[in-house]
Amino acid sequence: MKKAIRSETADKLFDAILSLQSREECYLFFKDICTINELNSLAQRFDVGTRLLESQTYQSISKATGASTATISRVNRLLEDDDQGIEMAAARINAAAASGKASE
């Protein structure tokens, strides 16, 4: 059974994230609320997700990211659900890069 992600506390966190205006502000914020390992895990999972969307193999993803096949499989299962959060973010990043509006 999946745990509910929506809560008042999560809403406050997401509102705080949405208030950030630059990559540097993100670094400052996440440095305060995450350990380096937690942040690296989040970044790795997003990297794995974008590579899966590009149809890269588990072996090439593991080699490029250092992620275990268990992590890659877990992210792949998340990509198969209907929410499509990673897909949405990756598409927006790609669109911004294509238009020359990548974050600083």
C-alpha atoms as a PDB file:
ATOM      1  CA  MET A   1       0.000   0.000   0.000  1.00  0.00           C
ATOM      2  CA  LYS A   2       1.362   3.412  -1.003  1.00  0.00           C
ATOM      3  CA  LYS A   3       1.785   6.072   1.638  1.00  0.00           C
ATOM      4  CA  ALA A   4      -0.058   9.316   1.026  1.00  0.00           C
ATOM      5  CA  ILE A   5       2.289  12.029  -0.178  1.00  0.00           C
ATOM      6  CA  ARG A   6      -0.149  14.899   0.198  1.00  0.00           C
ATOM      7  CA  SER A   7      -0.156  16.635   3.553  1.00  0.00           C
ATOM      8  CA  GLU A   8      -0.082  20.112   5.004  1.00  0.00           C
ATOM      9  CA  THR A   9       3.610  19.661   5.794  1.00  0.00           C
ATOM     10  CA  ALA A  10       4.381  18.570   2.218  1.00  0.00           C
ATOM     11  CA  ASP A  11       2.374  21.550   0.921  1.00  0.00           C
ATOM     12  CA  LYS A  12       4.563  23.900   2.974  1.00  0.00           C
ATOM     13  CA  LEU A  13       7.719  22.250   1.670  1.00  0.00           C
ATOM     14  CA  PHE A  14       6.569  22.475  -1.947  1.00  0.00           C
ATOM     15  CA  ASP A  15       5.505  26.105  -1.470  1.00  0.00           C
ATOM     16  CA  ALA A  16       9.003  26.839  -0.156  1.00  0.00           C
ATOM     17  CA  ILE A  17      10.587  25.094  -3.154  1.00  0.00           C
ATOM     18  CA  LEU A  18       8.332  26.962  -5.564  1.00  0.00           C
ATOM     19  CA  SER A  19       9.409  30.256  -3.981  1.00  0.00           C
ATOM     20  CA  LEU A  20      13.058  29.675  -4.915  1.00  0.00           C
ATOM     21  CA  GLN A  21      14.189  31.858  -7.793  1.00  0.00           C
ATOM     22  CA  SER A  22      17.589  30.532  -8.866  1.00  0.00           C
ATOM     23  CA  ARG A  23      19.805  27.483  -8.813  1.00  0.00           C
ATOM     24  CA  GLU A  24      21.937  29.169  -6.126  1.00  0.00           C
ATOM     25  CA  GLU A  25      18.846  29.622  -3.910  1.00  0.00           C
ATOM     26  CA  CYS A  26      18.089  25.919  -4.437  1.00  0.00           C
ATOM     27  CA  TYR A  27      21.577  24.977  -3.297  1.00  0.00           C
ATOM     28  CA  LEU A  28      21.221  27.140  -0.184  1.00  0.00           C
ATOM     29  CA  PHE A  29      17.779  25.763   0.654  1.00  0.00           C
ATOM     30  CA  PHE A  30      18.515  22.091   0.063  1.00  0.00           C
ATOM     31  CA  LYS A  31      21.836  22.334   1.912  1.00  0.00           C
ATOM     32  CA  ASP A  32      19.818  23.373   4.954  1.00  0.00           C
ATOM     33  CA  ILE A  33      17.164  20.649   4.766  1.00  0.00           C
ATOM     34  CA  CYS A  34      18.994  17.646   3.265  1.00  0.00           C
ATOM     35  CA  THR A  35      22.155  15.782   3.992  1.00  0.00           C
ATOM     36  CA  ILE A  36      24.573  15.608   1.085  1.00  0.00           C
ATOM     37  CA  ASN A  37      23.688  11.922   0.675  1.00  0.00           C
ATOM     38  CA  GLU A  38      19.951  12.672   0.545  1.00  0.00           C
ATOM     39  CA  LEU A  39      20.435  15.367  -2.070  1.00  0.00           C
ATOM     40  CA  ASN A  40      22.762  13.151  -4.095  1.00  0.00           C
ATOM     41  CA  SER A  41      20.180  10.332  -3.954  1.00  0.00           C
ATOM     42  CA  LEU A  42      17.441  12.634  -5.244  1.00  0.00           C
ATOM     43  CA  ALA A  43      19.695  13.939  -8.018  1.00  0.00           C
ATOM     44  CA  GLN A  44      20.734  10.398  -8.954  1.00  0.00           C
ATOM     45  CA  ARG A  45      17.133   9.190  -9.140  1.00  0.00           C
ATOM     46  CA  PHE A  46      16.199  12.101 -11.403  1.00  0.00           C
ATOM     47  CA  ASP A  47      19.251  11.382 -13.586  1.00  0.00           C
ATOM     48  CA  VAL A  48      18.270   7.711 -13.757  1.00  0.00           C
ATOM     49  CA  GLY A  49      14.707   8.684 -14.669  1.00  0.00           C
ATOM     50  CA  THR A  50      15.769  10.957 -17.519  1.00  0.00           C
ATOM     51  CA  ARG A  51      18.110   8.275 -18.848  1.00  0.00           C
ATOM     52  CA  LEU A  52      15.290   5.699 -18.725  1.00  0.00           C
ATOM     53  CA  LEU A  53      13.117   8.122 -20.689  1.00  0.00           C
ATOM     54  CA  GLU A  54      15.893   8.198 -23.303  1.00  0.00           C
ATOM     55  CA  SER A  55      15.622   4.363 -23.456  1.00  0.00           C
ATOM     56  CA  GLN A  56      19.138   3.810 -22.123  1.00  0.00           C
ATOM     57  CA  THR A  57      19.855   0.304 -20.832  1.00  0.00           C
ATOM     58  CA  TYR A  58      20.109  -0.518 -17.141  1.00  0.00           C
ATOM     59  CA  GLN A  59      23.780  -1.387 -17.669  1.00  0.00           C
ATOM     60  CA  SER A  60      24.652   1.941 -19.305  1.00  0.00           C
ATOM     61  CA  ILE A  61      22.654   3.867 -16.684  1.00  0.00           C
ATOM     62  CA  SER A  62      24.369   2.040 -13.837  1.00  0.00           C
ATOM     63  CA  LYS A  63      27.774   2.704 -15.355  1.00  0.00           C
ATOM     64  CA  ALA A  64      27.049   6.411 -15.965  1.00  0.00           C
ATOM     65  CA  THR A  65      25.316   7.169 -12.654  1.00  0.00           C
ATOM     66  CA  GLY A  66      26.644   4.616 -10.195  1.00  0.00           C
ATOM     67  CA  ALA A  67      23.048   3.618  -9.413  1.00  0.00           C
ATOM     68  CA  SER A  68      22.345   0.009  -8.537  1.00  0.00           C
ATOM     69  CA  THR A  69      20.045  -2.012 -10.760  1.00  0.00           C
ATOM     70  CA  ALA A  70      17.604  -2.071  -7.821  1.00  0.00           C
ATOM     71  CA  THR A  71      17.475   1.749  -7.833  1.00  0.00           C
ATOM     72  CA  ILE A  72      17.093   1.832 -11.604  1.00  0.00           C
ATOM     73  CA  SER A  73      14.279  -0.721 -11.396  1.00  0.00           C
ATOM     74  CA  ARG A  74      12.553   1.287  -8.645  1.00  0.00           C
ATOM     75  CA  VAL A  75      12.694   4.482 -10.726  1.00  0.00           C
ATOM     76  CA  ASN A  76      11.489   2.563 -13.775  1.00  0.00           C
ATOM     77  CA  ARG A  77       8.440   1.338 -11.815  1.00  0.00           C
ATOM     78  CA  LEU A  78       7.698   4.953 -10.842  1.00  0.00           C
ATOM     79  CA  LEU A  79       7.877   5.987 -14.488  1.00  0.00           C
ATOM     80  CA  GLU A  80       5.245   3.378 -15.298  1.00  0.00           C
ATOM     81  CA  ASP A  81       2.602   4.975 -13.068  1.00  0.00           C
ATOM     82  CA  ASP A  82       0.158   7.594 -14.304  1.00  0.00           C
ATOM     83  CA  ASP A  83       1.576  10.607 -12.470  1.00  0.00           C
ATOM     84  CA  GLN A  84       4.462  11.350 -14.859  1.00  0.00           C
ATOM     85  CA  GLY A  85       6.285  13.847 -12.643  1.00  0.00           C
ATOM     86  CA  ILE A  86       9.754  13.016 -13.930  1.00  0.00           C
ATOM     87  CA  GLU A  87       8.546  13.141 -17.522  1.00  0.00           C
ATOM     88  CA  MET A  88       6.957  16.557 -16.977  1.00  0.00           C
ATOM     89  CA  ALA A  89      10.080  18.038 -15.372  1.00  0.00           C
ATOM     90  CA  ALA A  90      12.429  16.531 -17.984  1.00  0.00           C
ATOM     91  CA  ALA A  91      10.279  17.875 -20.828  1.00  0.00           C
ATOM     92  CA  ARG A  92      10.284  21.366 -19.318  1.00  0.00           C
ATOM     93  CA  ILE A  93      14.059  21.293 -18.807  1.00  0.00           C
ATOM     94  CA  ASN A  94      14.561  20.170 -22.413  1.00  0.00           C
ATOM     95  CA  ALA A  95      12.213  22.877 -23.705  1.00  0.00           C
ATOM     96  CA  ALA A  96      13.999  25.556 -21.672  1.00  0.00           C
ATOM     97  CA  ALA A  97      17.384  24.363 -22.920  1.00  0.00           C
ATOM     98  CA  ALA A  98      16.152  24.391 -26.511  1.00  0.00           C
ATOM     99  CA  SER A  99      14.903  27.958 -26.151  1.00  0.00           C
ATOM    100  CA  GLY A 100      18.076  29.095 -24.397  1.00  0.00           C
ATOM    101  CA  LYS A 101      16.361  29.703 -21.048  1.00  0.00           C
ATOM    102  CA  ALA A 102      18.165  27.103 -18.930  1.00  0.00           C
ATOM    103  CA  SER A 103      18.401  27.851 -15.177  1.00  0.00           C
ATOM    104  CA  GLU A 104      21.501  29.468 -13.795  1.00  0.00           C
END
